[in-house]
Amino acid sequence: MVITSHADARAVLADPRHVPPPVRQDGAEGTLAWLRAQVSRFSAGETHARRREALTARLAALDPAALRASAREETARRAGDWRGVPTAVLAAALGVPVPPGVVAAAASGYLSGEDSPGADAAVAALTALADLPAITLLLQAHAAVEGLIENALPHAGSGAGVEAVLHETLRHDPPLKASRRLDPRTGEEVVIDLVAANRDPEVFADPGRFDASRGPSPHLTFGYGVRPCPAADHALALAAGVLDALNADVTPTDGPIDRAEARGAGEAP
């Protein structure tokens, strides 16, 4: 079943009985399959709560404003070559010497579960360099933040401001296109079409138009309900720092984007 309605999507995301589809539990230690069985994103119940708590504790030590400044400085240092910057900045802030290329290789199958020798080798390398909470945060952030930046770039020179562009990009063109849960009544997979839900005409005026002036909106890109993304501040700060450096027409602000404004909703760890 595919859900496209904003209201129906919120109802599923707010219902603790709707849990993520199960993942393999038989992967050899150090492989991608093994890693997916260890992280909060693909777990439920008390296991999810315990693993999520470890992530939030780690995130509490990271200052989004500092992440934004570091991302801006690193992008400028690389003369605008921003690919890998968010991951490098986050790894440095976490205190783990993880090359962005290794994270990218492991992230290639993290969401889909598609095994490959390259992904397995990258996971093995990561586990030798960092602990599980740090690895989880890096993999959660890698494709999502880079996707957000890429989708925001066509609008970054509009003069609307970094925060406004990112808010509307999250609604109009989210880096994560769908979220999945199991229907507790039937056991069937429920696919939440985030693009459709974020453009529901019952909630958003002229939903197909990119309009940075509409301000913060109740998009579902950062999740909702029982599993909201705990790192929304940090992801937005990393993306904003890159855009600060790339867009000469935008004057950077000193702090992180207000989470209360940015919240609306992606798939949380």
Protein backbone atom coordinates (compact mmCIF):
# COMPACT_ATOMS: atom_id res chain seq x y z
CA MET A 1 0.00 0.00 0.00
CA VAL A 2 1.24 3.46 -0.92
CA ILE A 3 0.21 6.47 1.15
CA THR A 4 0.19 9.86 -0.50
CA SER A 5 -2.07 11.86 1.83
CA HIS A 6 -0.36 14.09 4.38
CA ALA A 7 -2.93 13.23 7.05
CA ASP A 8 -2.65 9.48 6.45
CA ALA A 9 1.13 9.68 6.48
CA ARG A 10 1.10 11.50 9.82
CA ALA A 11 -1.25 8.90 11.25
CA VAL A 12 1.05 6.04 10.31
CA LEU A 13 4.18 7.82 11.53
CA ALA A 14 2.49 8.60 14.85
CA ASP A 15 1.36 5.02 15.44
CA PRO A 16 3.94 2.97 17.40
CA ARG A 17 2.41 -0.22 16.03
CA HIS A 18 3.71 0.68 12.58
CA VAL A 19 7.33 -0.47 12.73
CA PRO A 20 10.04 -0.58 10.05
CA PRO A 21 10.20 -3.75 7.96
CA PRO A 22 12.59 -6.25 9.55
CA VAL A 23 16.12 -6.67 8.23
CA ARG A 24 18.37 -9.70 8.06
CA GLN A 25 19.76 -10.81 11.39
CA ASP A 26 22.21 -13.40 10.07
CA GLY A 27 24.91 -11.19 8.57
CA ALA A 28 28.51 -11.95 9.49
CA GLU A 29 30.02 -9.43 11.88
CA GLY A 30 31.53 -6.47 10.08
CA THR A 31 29.31 -6.77 6.99
CA LEU A 32 26.61 -4.41 5.79
CA ALA A 33 23.86 -6.88 6.71
CA TRP A 34 25.28 -7.16 10.23
CA LEU A 35 25.45 -3.39 10.59
CA ARG A 36 21.84 -2.88 9.50
CA ALA A 37 20.78 -5.34 12.22
CA GLN A 38 22.63 -3.28 14.86
CA VAL A 39 21.29 0.23 14.22
CA SER A 40 18.24 2.02 15.53
CA ARG A 41 16.81 2.87 12.12
CA PHE A 42 15.78 -0.70 11.39
CA SER A 43 14.81 -1.72 14.92
CA ALA A 44 11.69 -1.29 17.04
CA GLY A 45 10.45 -1.28 20.60
CA GLU A 46 12.89 -1.22 23.48
CA THR A 47 15.80 -2.03 21.19
CA HIS A 48 15.08 1.03 19.09
CA ALA A 49 14.69 3.23 22.17
CA ARG A 50 18.02 2.09 23.62
CA ARG A 51 19.90 2.57 20.38
CA ARG A 52 18.28 5.94 19.71
CA GLU A 53 19.22 7.13 23.20
CA ALA A 54 22.87 6.39 22.43
CA LEU A 55 22.61 8.58 19.33
CA THR A 56 20.92 11.48 21.08
CA ALA A 57 23.58 11.40 23.80
CA ARG A 58 26.27 11.64 21.15
CA LEU A 59 24.46 14.42 19.34
CA ALA A 60 24.09 16.44 22.54
CA ALA A 61 27.85 17.03 22.51
CA LEU A 62 27.78 18.55 19.01
CA ASP A 63 27.04 22.24 18.50
CA PRO A 64 25.09 22.84 15.28
CA ALA A 65 26.47 26.39 15.03
CA ALA A 66 30.01 25.01 15.12
CA LEU A 67 29.12 22.41 12.48
CA ARG A 68 27.78 25.15 10.23
CA ALA A 69 30.91 27.26 10.65
CA SER A 70 33.16 24.28 9.98
CA ALA A 71 31.20 23.26 6.87
CA ARG A 72 31.40 26.82 5.56
CA GLU A 73 35.15 27.03 6.21
CA GLU A 74 35.89 23.61 4.74
CA THR A 75 33.87 24.32 1.59
CA ALA A 76 35.71 27.59 1.14
CA ARG A 77 39.05 25.87 1.74
CA ARG A 78 38.20 23.38 -1.01
CA ALA A 79 37.28 26.23 -3.36
CA GLY A 80 33.66 25.12 -3.54
CA ASP A 81 34.29 21.40 -4.03
CA TRP A 82 31.67 20.52 -1.43
CA ARG A 83 31.16 16.81 -1.99
CA GLY A 84 32.24 14.99 1.15
CA VAL A 85 32.39 18.15 3.25
CA PRO A 86 29.38 17.38 5.50
CA THR A 87 30.68 13.89 6.21
CA ALA A 88 34.22 15.10 6.88
CA VAL A 89 33.00 17.84 9.21
CA LEU A 90 30.68 15.50 11.10
CA ALA A 91 33.40 12.85 11.46
CA ALA A 92 35.81 15.44 12.84
CA ALA A 93 33.19 16.68 15.30
CA LEU A 94 32.57 13.11 16.43
CA GLY A 95 36.28 12.63 16.90
CA VAL A 96 36.63 9.70 14.53
CA PRO A 97 39.21 9.53 11.70
CA VAL A 98 36.85 8.26 9.02
CA PRO A 99 37.52 9.13 5.36
CA PRO A 100 34.35 10.35 3.59
CA GLY A 101 34.95 7.89 0.77
CA VAL A 102 34.63 4.96 3.16
CA VAL A 103 31.37 6.35 4.52
CA ALA A 104 30.05 6.83 0.98
CA ALA A 105 30.87 3.23 0.07
CA ALA A 106 29.11 1.87 3.16
CA ALA A 107 26.16 4.21 2.68
CA SER A 108 25.58 2.93 -0.86
CA GLY A 109 23.60 -0.03 0.46
CA TYR A 110 22.67 1.19 3.92
CA LEU A 111 19.06 2.04 3.14
CA SER A 112 18.35 -0.56 0.47
CA GLY A 113 20.19 -3.44 2.10
CA GLU A 114 21.81 -4.26 -1.22
CA ASP A 115 24.94 -6.22 -0.38
CA SER A 116 28.19 -5.77 -2.25
CA PRO A 117 31.83 -6.60 -1.56
CA GLY A 118 32.62 -2.88 -1.60
CA ALA A 119 29.97 -2.05 0.98
CA ASP A 120 31.04 -4.92 3.20
CA ALA A 121 34.68 -3.82 3.02
CA ALA A 122 33.70 -0.26 3.87
CA VAL A 123 31.68 -1.39 6.89
CA ALA A 124 34.62 -3.46 8.09
CA ALA A 125 36.87 -0.42 7.75
CA LEU A 126 34.38 1.77 9.62
CA THR A 127 34.07 -0.62 12.53
CA ALA A 128 37.85 -0.52 12.93
CA LEU A 129 37.81 3.28 13.10
CA ALA A 130 34.67 4.28 14.97
CA ASP A 131 32.04 3.06 17.42
CA LEU A 132 28.53 2.12 16.38
CA PRO A 133 26.77 5.39 17.33
CA ALA A 134 29.30 7.40 15.32
CA ILE A 135 29.00 5.05 12.34
CA THR A 136 25.22 5.27 12.52
CA LEU A 137 25.23 9.07 12.54
CA LEU A 138 27.68 9.25 9.64
CA LEU A 139 25.69 6.83 7.50
CA GLN A 140 22.37 8.48 8.35
CA ALA A 141 23.73 11.89 7.43
CA HIS A 142 25.84 11.17 4.37
CA ALA A 143 23.37 10.77 1.51
CA ALA A 144 20.62 12.77 3.20
CA VAL A 145 22.67 15.93 3.70
CA GLU A 146 24.38 15.74 0.33
CA GLY A 147 21.01 15.14 -1.31
CA LEU A 148 19.53 18.14 0.48
CA ILE A 149 22.39 20.36 -0.67
CA GLU A 150 22.16 19.13 -4.25
CA ASN A 151 18.40 19.72 -4.38
CA ALA A 152 18.75 23.18 -2.82
CA LEU A 153 21.55 24.40 -5.08
CA PRO A 154 19.35 25.41 -8.04
CA HIS A 155 17.51 27.79 -5.71
CA ALA A 156 20.46 29.02 -3.64
CA GLY A 157 21.10 32.08 -5.79
CA SER A 158 17.55 33.36 -5.60
CA GLY A 159 18.33 35.78 -2.80
CA ALA A 160 15.79 34.10 -0.54
CA GLY A 161 18.34 33.20 2.11
CA VAL A 162 19.86 29.88 3.11
CA GLU A 163 17.30 28.98 5.76
CA ALA A 164 14.31 29.74 3.53
CA VAL A 165 15.75 27.74 0.64
CA LEU A 166 16.46 24.74 2.84
CA HIS A 167 13.01 24.81 4.45
CA GLU A 168 11.31 24.77 1.06
CA THR A 169 13.70 22.20 -0.41
CA LEU A 170 12.85 19.84 2.44
CA ARG A 171 9.19 20.16 1.49
CA HIS A 172 9.38 20.38 -2.27
CA ASP A 173 12.22 17.98 -3.10
CA PRO A 174 13.21 15.87 -0.07
CA PRO A 175 16.40 13.80 -0.36
CA LEU A 176 14.52 10.83 1.05
CA LYS A 177 11.57 10.06 -1.20
CA ALA A 178 9.77 7.38 0.81
CA SER A 179 9.48 5.84 4.24
CA ARG A 180 8.37 2.28 4.97
CA ARG A 181 6.41 0.66 7.78
CA LEU A 182 4.58 -2.61 8.36
CA ASP A 183 0.79 -2.56 8.69
CA PRO A 184 0.15 -4.08 12.15
CA ARG A 185 -3.12 -5.64 10.97
CA THR A 186 -1.93 -7.37 7.82
CA GLY A 187 1.86 -7.41 8.05
CA GLU A 188 2.01 -5.82 4.60
CA GLU A 189 4.51 -3.09 3.81
CA VAL A 190 3.20 0.47 3.85
CA VAL A 191 5.13 2.91 1.67
CA ILE A 192 4.78 6.56 2.62
CA ASP A 193 5.37 8.69 -0.46
CA LEU A 194 7.04 11.71 1.13
CA VAL A 195 7.07 13.72 -2.08
CA ALA A 196 3.32 13.35 -2.49
CA ALA A 197 2.58 13.95 1.20
CA ASN A 198 4.75 17.06 1.17
CA ARG A 199 2.78 18.36 -1.80
CA ASP A 200 -0.67 17.52 -0.55
CA PRO A 201 -2.96 20.36 -1.75
CA GLU A 202 -5.07 19.91 1.38
CA VAL A 203 -2.11 21.19 3.41
CA PHE A 204 0.09 23.24 1.08
CA ALA A 205 -1.07 26.06 -1.16
CA ASP A 206 0.15 25.73 -4.76
CA PRO A 207 2.12 22.66 -3.65
CA GLY A 208 3.98 22.01 -6.90
CA ARG A 209 5.66 25.41 -6.90
CA PHE A 210 8.98 25.98 -5.14
CA ASP A 211 8.31 29.02 -2.99
CA ALA A 212 11.01 29.88 -0.46
CA SER A 213 8.84 32.67 0.88
CA ARG A 214 6.23 30.27 2.27
CA GLY A 215 8.37 29.78 5.40
CA PRO A 216 8.55 26.72 7.63
CA SER A 217 5.89 24.16 6.80
CA PRO A 218 4.67 20.83 8.20
CA HIS A 219 6.64 18.71 5.75
CA LEU A 220 7.40 15.12 6.73
CA THR A 221 11.00 14.95 5.57
CA PHE A 222 12.39 14.80 9.10
CA GLY A 223 9.87 12.23 10.23
CA TYR A 224 6.96 12.72 12.56
CA GLY A 225 5.39 11.16 15.61
CA VAL A 226 7.23 8.36 17.35
CA ARG A 227 10.43 8.47 15.28
CA PRO A 228 11.28 12.10 14.43
CA CYS A 229 14.83 12.69 13.31
CA PRO A 230 16.98 13.55 16.35
CA ALA A 231 19.63 15.22 14.21
CA ALA A 232 17.54 17.73 12.26
CA ASP A 233 19.51 20.66 13.70
CA HIS A 234 22.82 19.08 12.78
CA ALA A 235 21.84 18.06 9.25
CA LEU A 236 20.47 21.50 8.48
CA ALA A 237 23.52 23.19 9.95
CA LEU A 238 25.88 21.14 7.77
CA ALA A 239 23.84 21.88 4.65
CA ALA A 240 23.57 25.56 5.53
CA GLY A 241 27.32 25.87 6.05
CA VAL A 242 28.02 24.50 2.58
CA LEU A 243 25.45 26.82 1.01
CA ASP A 244 26.86 29.77 2.96
CA ALA A 245 30.19 29.22 1.24
CA LEU A 246 28.76 28.51 -2.21
CA ASN A 247 26.26 31.33 -2.41
CA ALA A 248 27.96 34.72 -2.37
CA ASP A 249 24.56 36.45 -2.44
CA VAL A 250 23.51 35.00 0.90
CA THR A 251 24.77 36.48 4.14
CA PRO A 252 25.42 33.65 6.62
CA THR A 253 23.77 33.83 10.01
CA ASP A 254 25.63 33.08 13.20
CA GLY A 255 23.58 30.20 14.52
CA PRO A 256 21.86 26.98 13.51
CA ILE A 257 18.50 26.88 11.89
CA ASP A 258 15.76 26.85 14.50
CA ARG A 259 14.70 23.23 14.93
CA ALA A 260 11.20 24.17 15.95
CA GLU A 261 10.82 25.88 12.58
CA ALA A 262 12.63 23.21 10.60
CA ARG A 263 10.77 20.33 12.17
CA GLY A 264 8.01 18.79 10.14
CA ALA A 265 9.28 15.76 9.76
CA GLY A 266 12.62 11.95 7.20
CA GLU A 267 13.44 8.88 8.33
CA ALA A 268 14.86 8.98 11.81
CA PRO A 269 17.47 6.71 13.30
